[in-house]
Protein backbone atom coordinates (compact mmCIF):
# COMPACT_ATOMS: atom_id res chain seq x y z
CA UNK A 1 -9.48 -17.73 -50.40
CA UNK A 2 -5.96 -17.01 -49.17
CA UNK A 3 -6.10 -13.42 -50.46
CA UNK A 4 -9.53 -12.70 -48.95
CA UNK A 5 -9.63 -14.69 -45.70
CA UNK A 6 -8.41 -11.87 -43.46
CA UNK A 7 -11.07 -9.49 -44.72
CA UNK A 8 -13.48 -10.90 -42.14
CA UNK A 9 -11.47 -8.89 -39.58
CA UNK A 10 -12.95 -5.69 -41.03
CA UNK A 11 -16.22 -6.47 -39.28
CA UNK A 12 -14.49 -6.52 -35.88
CA UNK A 13 -12.14 -3.57 -36.37
CA UNK A 14 -12.76 0.02 -35.33
CA UNK A 15 -14.41 1.76 -38.30
CA UNK A 16 -11.54 4.19 -38.99
CA UNK A 17 -8.99 1.37 -39.11
CA UNK A 18 -11.18 -0.85 -41.29
CA UNK A 19 -11.72 2.00 -43.76
CA UNK A 20 -7.95 2.52 -44.01
CA UNK A 21 -6.89 -1.13 -44.33
CA UNK A 22 -9.78 -2.14 -46.60
CA UNK A 23 -10.09 1.08 -48.66
CA UNK A 24 -9.51 -0.89 -51.88
CA UNK A 25 -12.04 -3.71 -51.72
CA UNK A 26 -10.32 -5.57 -54.56
CA UNK A 27 -6.88 -5.57 -52.90
CA UNK A 28 -5.73 -8.92 -51.51
CA UNK A 29 -4.66 -9.34 -47.91
CA UNK A 30 -2.21 -11.81 -46.47
CA UNK A 31 -1.74 -13.29 -43.06
CA UNK A 32 -2.63 -16.01 -40.68
CA UNK A 33 -5.67 -16.28 -38.43
CA UNK A 34 -4.09 -18.70 -35.92
CA UNK A 35 -2.67 -16.77 -32.94
CA UNK A 36 0.97 -17.74 -33.39
CA UNK A 37 2.70 -14.60 -32.10
CA UNK A 38 2.30 -12.18 -29.24
CA UNK A 39 1.11 -8.59 -29.20
CA UNK A 40 2.96 -6.77 -26.43
CA UNK A 41 1.92 -3.28 -25.36
CA UNK A 42 4.95 -0.96 -25.42
CA UNK A 43 4.88 2.79 -24.99
CA UNK A 44 2.02 4.14 -27.09
CA UNK A 45 1.78 1.12 -29.39
CA UNK A 46 2.01 -2.61 -29.80
CA UNK A 47 4.99 -4.75 -30.82
CA UNK A 48 4.20 -7.98 -32.63
CA UNK A 49 6.63 -10.85 -32.03
CA UNK A 50 7.26 -14.39 -33.29
CA UNK A 51 4.82 -14.17 -36.16
CA UNK A 52 4.26 -16.85 -38.73
CA UNK A 53 3.96 -17.47 -42.42
CA UNK A 54 1.66 -15.18 -44.41
CA UNK A 55 0.57 -16.56 -47.78
CA UNK A 56 0.52 -13.84 -50.42
CA UNK A 57 2.52 -11.28 -48.45
CA UNK A 58 4.35 -10.06 -51.56
CA UNK A 59 1.00 -9.29 -53.23
CA UNK A 60 -0.63 -7.18 -50.53
CA UNK A 61 -0.27 -3.82 -48.82
CA UNK A 62 -1.68 -4.77 -45.40
CA UNK A 63 -0.69 -8.18 -43.95
CA UNK A 64 -2.69 -9.24 -40.92
CA UNK A 65 -1.56 -11.48 -38.11
CA UNK A 66 -3.42 -12.93 -35.18
CA UNK A 67 -1.58 -12.82 -31.87
CA UNK A 68 -2.09 -13.41 -28.18
CA UNK A 69 -2.36 -10.07 -26.39
CA UNK A 70 0.06 -10.05 -23.49
CA UNK A 71 1.60 -7.81 -20.88
CA UNK A 72 3.79 -10.57 -19.43
CA UNK A 73 5.00 -13.97 -20.66
CA UNK A 74 1.41 -15.29 -20.64
CA UNK A 75 -1.61 -14.20 -22.68
CA UNK A 76 -3.98 -11.72 -21.07
CA UNK A 77 -7.18 -13.35 -19.90
CA UNK A 78 -10.78 -12.33 -20.53
CA UNK A 79 -13.94 -13.90 -19.06
CA UNK A 80 -14.07 -16.00 -22.26
CA UNK A 81 -10.43 -17.16 -22.32
CA UNK A 82 -7.10 -15.80 -23.59
CA UNK A 83 -7.19 -12.39 -25.25
CA UNK A 84 -6.42 -12.59 -28.97
CA UNK A 85 -6.33 -9.88 -31.60
CA UNK A 86 -5.65 -9.48 -35.30
CA UNK A 87 -3.26 -6.69 -36.22
CA UNK A 88 -2.67 -5.19 -39.64
CA UNK A 89 0.39 -3.19 -40.63
CA UNK A 90 1.76 -1.87 -43.87
CA UNK A 91 3.84 -4.47 -45.66
CA UNK A 92 6.71 -1.97 -45.90
CA UNK A 93 6.93 -2.07 -42.08
CA UNK A 94 7.24 -5.87 -41.96
CA UNK A 95 10.46 -7.84 -42.26
CA UNK A 96 9.94 -10.59 -44.83
CA UNK A 97 12.16 -13.66 -44.72
CA UNK A 98 12.10 -15.16 -48.22
CA UNK A 99 12.54 -18.79 -47.17
CA UNK A 100 9.71 -20.55 -48.99
CA UNK A 101 11.54 -22.24 -51.86
CA UNK A 102 9.91 -25.48 -52.95
CA UNK A 103 10.20 -27.70 -55.95
CA UNK A 104 8.02 -30.39 -57.38
CA UNK A 105 4.67 -28.89 -56.42
CA UNK A 106 2.48 -29.23 -59.45
CA UNK A 107 -0.76 -30.80 -60.47
CA UNK A 108 -0.72 -33.85 -62.69
CA UNK A 109 -3.55 -35.38 -64.64
CA UNK A 110 -4.52 -38.85 -63.68
CA UNK A 111 -3.74 -41.36 -66.40
CA UNK A 112 -6.82 -42.62 -68.22
CA UNK A 113 -7.27 -46.29 -68.42
CA UNK A 114 -9.69 -48.07 -70.70
CA UNK A 115 -11.94 -50.64 -69.17
């Protein structure tokens, strides 16, 4: 589920972008659907800031992140509420902070008891 959850964004993306990001239908994606960061319009593009954890980022080519679209310190507003968007970029253009080092996460079988 983690590697396929962002694929729903393809249905909302402009066709040319969806065909580029999802060209390989078997390729996993990574990202987060919760709008944690901000998407600020700068020059001819968008700068994503303060983005969050993306499960599987080292296994994908196109991580996606949801963000509040903003021109100021507050999200832009639409008639339906704050403007949010999901942005995809090539993983080579993303700075990855390798900080997820855990220990002790494993499954254990429950002990059987005889009645």
